[in-house]
């Protein structure tokens, strides 16, 4: 069971034909999609609230620019 930002999520992977390597690969992919690795990296050390706000703002700017690039590519403005 994983707990990310106060929300508990259950991540399950089925092992088929004793193929543990394939199950581990699937688990890693699910954890990547859930953002668990990123969360663990952020929680390794304390982040000041001002640094957190600056990081989140920079991430939002990055997301917006990416969205605009995709929209420009798709609509051809």
N, C-alpha and C. Protein backbone atom coordinates (compact mmCIF):
# COMPACT_ATOMS: atom_id res chain seq x y z
N UNK A 1 0.85 -1.17 0.00
CA UNK A 1 0.00 0.00 0.00
C UNK A 1 0.89 1.23 0.00
N UNK A 2 0.58 2.17 -0.85
CA UNK A 2 1.36 3.40 -0.97
C UNK A 2 0.55 4.56 -0.43
N UNK A 3 1.23 5.49 0.23
CA UNK A 3 0.55 6.68 0.71
C UNK A 3 1.25 7.89 0.11
N UNK A 4 0.54 8.59 -0.75
CA UNK A 4 1.09 9.77 -1.42
C UNK A 4 0.21 10.96 -1.05
N UNK A 5 0.81 11.95 -0.42
CA UNK A 5 0.13 13.19 -0.04
C UNK A 5 -1.14 12.92 0.75
N UNK A 6 -1.08 11.97 1.68
CA UNK A 6 -2.21 11.69 2.55
C UNK A 6 -3.27 10.79 1.95
N UNK A 7 -3.11 10.38 0.71
CA UNK A 7 -4.09 9.52 0.06
C UNK A 7 -3.49 8.14 -0.09
N UNK A 8 -4.20 7.14 0.41
CA UNK A 8 -3.69 5.77 0.31
C UNK A 8 -4.16 5.14 -1.00
N UNK A 9 -3.22 4.58 -1.71
CA UNK A 9 -3.53 3.92 -2.97
C UNK A 9 -2.96 2.52 -2.91
N UNK A 10 -3.69 1.57 -3.42
CA UNK A 10 -3.21 0.19 -3.45
C UNK A 10 -2.71 -0.09 -4.85
N UNK A 11 -1.46 -0.48 -4.93
CA UNK A 11 -0.86 -0.84 -6.21
C UNK A 11 -0.60 -2.34 -6.18
N UNK A 12 -1.20 -3.05 -7.09
CA UNK A 12 -1.04 -4.49 -7.14
C UNK A 12 -0.50 -4.91 -8.49
N UNK A 13 0.36 -5.93 -8.45
CA UNK A 13 0.90 -6.49 -9.68
C UNK A 13 0.77 -8.00 -9.57
N UNK A 14 0.27 -8.61 -10.62
CA UNK A 14 0.08 -10.05 -10.64
C UNK A 14 1.32 -10.70 -11.25
N UNK A 15 1.85 -11.72 -10.55
CA UNK A 15 3.00 -12.46 -11.06
C UNK A 15 2.45 -13.67 -11.82
N UNK A 16 2.75 -13.71 -13.11
CA UNK A 16 2.26 -14.81 -13.95
C UNK A 16 3.40 -15.75 -14.31
N UNK A 17 3.16 -17.02 -14.21
CA UNK A 17 4.13 -18.06 -14.59
C UNK A 17 5.48 -17.88 -13.89
N UNK A 18 5.45 -17.46 -12.63
CA UNK A 18 6.67 -17.24 -11.84
C UNK A 18 7.65 -16.29 -12.52
N UNK A 19 7.15 -15.37 -13.32
CA UNK A 19 8.01 -14.41 -14.01
C UNK A 19 8.08 -13.13 -13.17
N UNK A 20 8.99 -13.15 -12.20
CA UNK A 20 9.13 -12.05 -11.26
C UNK A 20 9.72 -10.82 -11.94
N UNK A 21 10.62 -11.02 -12.89
CA UNK A 21 11.23 -9.88 -13.59
C UNK A 21 10.17 -9.04 -14.30
N UNK A 22 9.25 -9.72 -14.96
CA UNK A 22 8.18 -9.01 -15.68
C UNK A 22 7.27 -8.29 -14.69
N UNK A 23 7.00 -8.92 -13.54
CA UNK A 23 6.16 -8.29 -12.53
C UNK A 23 6.84 -7.06 -11.93
N UNK A 24 8.14 -7.14 -11.71
CA UNK A 24 8.89 -5.99 -11.20
C UNK A 24 8.87 -4.83 -12.19
N UNK A 25 8.99 -5.16 -13.48
CA UNK A 25 8.96 -4.14 -14.51
C UNK A 25 7.59 -3.45 -14.52
N UNK A 26 6.53 -4.24 -14.38
CA UNK A 26 5.18 -3.68 -14.36
C UNK A 26 4.97 -2.81 -13.11
N UNK A 27 5.51 -3.27 -11.97
CA UNK A 27 5.39 -2.50 -10.73
C UNK A 27 6.12 -1.16 -10.85
N UNK A 28 7.31 -1.19 -11.42
CA UNK A 28 8.09 0.03 -11.58
C UNK A 28 7.35 1.02 -12.47
N UNK A 29 6.74 0.52 -13.54
CA UNK A 29 6.00 1.37 -14.46
C UNK A 29 4.79 2.00 -13.77
N UNK A 30 4.08 1.21 -12.94
CA UNK A 30 2.93 1.74 -12.22
C UNK A 30 3.36 2.79 -11.21
N UNK A 31 4.46 2.53 -10.51
CA UNK A 31 4.95 3.49 -9.52
C UNK A 31 5.40 4.78 -10.20
N UNK A 32 5.99 4.66 -11.38
CA UNK A 32 6.42 5.84 -12.14
C UNK A 32 5.20 6.67 -12.53
N UNK A 33 4.14 6.00 -13.00
CA UNK A 33 2.93 6.71 -13.39
C UNK A 33 2.26 7.40 -12.21
N UNK A 34 2.32 6.79 -11.03
CA UNK A 34 1.72 7.36 -9.83
C UNK A 34 2.53 8.52 -9.30
N UNK A 35 3.77 8.66 -9.73
CA UNK A 35 4.61 9.75 -9.26
C UNK A 35 5.31 9.44 -7.95
N UNK A 36 5.42 8.17 -7.61
CA UNK A 36 6.00 7.77 -6.33
C UNK A 36 7.49 8.08 -6.27
N UNK A 37 8.23 7.82 -7.34
CA UNK A 37 9.67 8.04 -7.33
C UNK A 37 9.97 9.53 -7.16
N UNK A 38 9.20 10.35 -7.82
CA UNK A 38 9.38 11.80 -7.71
C UNK A 38 9.08 12.26 -6.29
N UNK A 39 8.02 11.71 -5.71
CA UNK A 39 7.64 12.05 -4.33
C UNK A 39 8.74 11.65 -3.35
N UNK A 40 9.30 10.46 -3.54
CA UNK A 40 10.37 10.00 -2.65
C UNK A 40 11.59 10.91 -2.77
N UNK A 41 11.92 11.32 -3.98
CA UNK A 41 13.07 12.20 -4.19
C UNK A 41 12.85 13.54 -3.49
N UNK A 42 11.63 14.07 -3.57
CA UNK A 42 11.34 15.35 -2.94
C UNK A 42 11.38 15.26 -1.42
N UNK A 43 11.04 14.11 -0.87
CA UNK A 43 10.97 13.96 0.58
C UNK A 43 12.29 13.55 1.21
N UNK A 44 13.33 13.37 0.42
CA UNK A 44 14.63 13.00 0.98
C UNK A 44 15.17 14.05 1.93
N UNK A 45 14.92 15.30 1.61
CA UNK A 45 15.40 16.37 2.46
C UNK A 45 14.30 17.41 2.62
N UNK A 46 14.46 18.24 3.64
CA UNK A 46 13.45 19.28 3.91
C UNK A 46 13.49 20.34 2.82
N UNK A 47 12.30 20.75 2.43
CA UNK A 47 12.17 21.81 1.43
C UNK A 47 11.41 22.97 2.07
N UNK A 48 12.05 24.12 2.09
CA UNK A 48 11.41 25.29 2.69
C UNK A 48 10.14 25.63 1.91
N UNK A 49 9.12 26.16 2.60
CA UNK A 49 7.87 26.52 1.92
C UNK A 49 8.09 27.48 0.74
N UNK A 50 9.01 28.42 0.88
CA UNK A 50 9.25 29.35 -0.23
C UNK A 50 9.87 28.62 -1.42
N UNK A 51 10.76 27.65 -1.15
CA UNK A 51 11.35 26.86 -2.23
C UNK A 51 10.29 25.99 -2.90
N UNK A 52 9.37 25.46 -2.09
CA UNK A 52 8.30 24.62 -2.63
C UNK A 52 7.40 25.44 -3.56
N UNK A 53 7.05 26.65 -3.13
CA UNK A 53 6.21 27.51 -3.97
C UNK A 53 6.91 27.86 -5.27
N UNK A 54 8.20 28.16 -5.18
CA UNK A 54 8.96 28.51 -6.39
C UNK A 54 9.04 27.31 -7.33
N UNK A 55 9.26 26.11 -6.78
CA UNK A 55 9.33 24.90 -7.60
C UNK A 55 8.00 24.63 -8.27
N UNK A 56 6.91 24.74 -7.50
CA UNK A 56 5.59 24.47 -8.06
C UNK A 56 5.22 25.49 -9.14
N UNK A 57 5.60 26.74 -8.93
CA UNK A 57 5.32 27.77 -9.94
C UNK A 57 6.11 27.49 -11.22
N UNK A 58 7.39 27.10 -11.06
CA UNK A 58 8.21 26.78 -12.23
C UNK A 58 7.64 25.58 -12.98
N UNK A 59 7.14 24.58 -12.23
CA UNK A 59 6.53 23.41 -12.87
C UNK A 59 5.28 23.81 -13.64
N UNK A 60 4.48 24.71 -13.07
CA UNK A 60 3.26 25.16 -13.74
C UNK A 60 3.61 25.91 -15.02
N UNK A 61 4.64 26.76 -14.97
CA UNK A 61 5.07 27.49 -16.16
C UNK A 61 5.53 26.51 -17.24
N UNK A 62 6.31 25.49 -16.82
CA UNK A 62 6.79 24.48 -17.76
C UNK A 62 5.62 23.74 -18.42
N UNK A 63 4.62 23.34 -17.59
CA UNK A 63 3.45 22.64 -18.13
C UNK A 63 2.70 23.52 -19.12
N UNK A 64 2.53 24.80 -18.78
CA UNK A 64 1.80 25.72 -19.66
C UNK A 64 2.53 25.89 -20.99
N UNK A 65 3.86 26.06 -20.94
CA UNK A 65 4.63 26.22 -22.18
C UNK A 65 4.54 24.98 -23.05
N UNK A 66 4.58 23.82 -22.41
CA UNK A 66 4.48 22.56 -23.15
C UNK A 66 3.10 22.46 -23.82
N UNK A 67 2.06 22.83 -23.08
CA UNK A 67 0.71 22.82 -23.63
C UNK A 67 0.60 23.77 -24.82
N UNK A 68 1.18 24.96 -24.69
CA UNK A 68 1.14 25.94 -25.78
C UNK A 68 1.90 25.43 -27.00
N UNK A 69 3.06 24.77 -26.78
CA UNK A 69 3.83 24.19 -27.90
C UNK A 69 3.00 23.15 -28.62
N UNK A 70 2.34 22.27 -27.86
CA UNK A 70 1.52 21.23 -28.48
C UNK A 70 0.35 21.83 -29.23
N UNK A 71 -0.28 22.85 -28.62
CA UNK A 71 -1.43 23.49 -29.27
C UNK A 71 -0.99 24.18 -30.55
N UNK A 72 0.18 24.85 -30.53
CA UNK A 72 0.71 25.51 -31.71
C UNK A 72 1.00 24.49 -32.82
N UNK A 73 1.58 23.36 -32.40
CA UNK A 73 1.89 22.31 -33.38
C UNK A 73 0.62 21.73 -33.99
N UNK A 74 -0.39 21.53 -33.15
CA UNK A 74 -1.63 20.90 -33.61
C UNK A 74 -2.45 21.86 -34.45
N UNK A 75 -2.57 23.12 -34.03
CA UNK A 75 -3.44 24.06 -34.73
C UNK A 75 -2.70 24.87 -35.78
N UNK A 76 -1.39 24.92 -35.69
CA UNK A 76 -0.58 25.58 -36.71
C UNK A 76 -0.67 27.08 -36.76
N UNK A 77 -0.74 27.73 -35.64
CA UNK A 77 -0.81 29.20 -35.61
C UNK A 77 0.53 29.81 -35.91
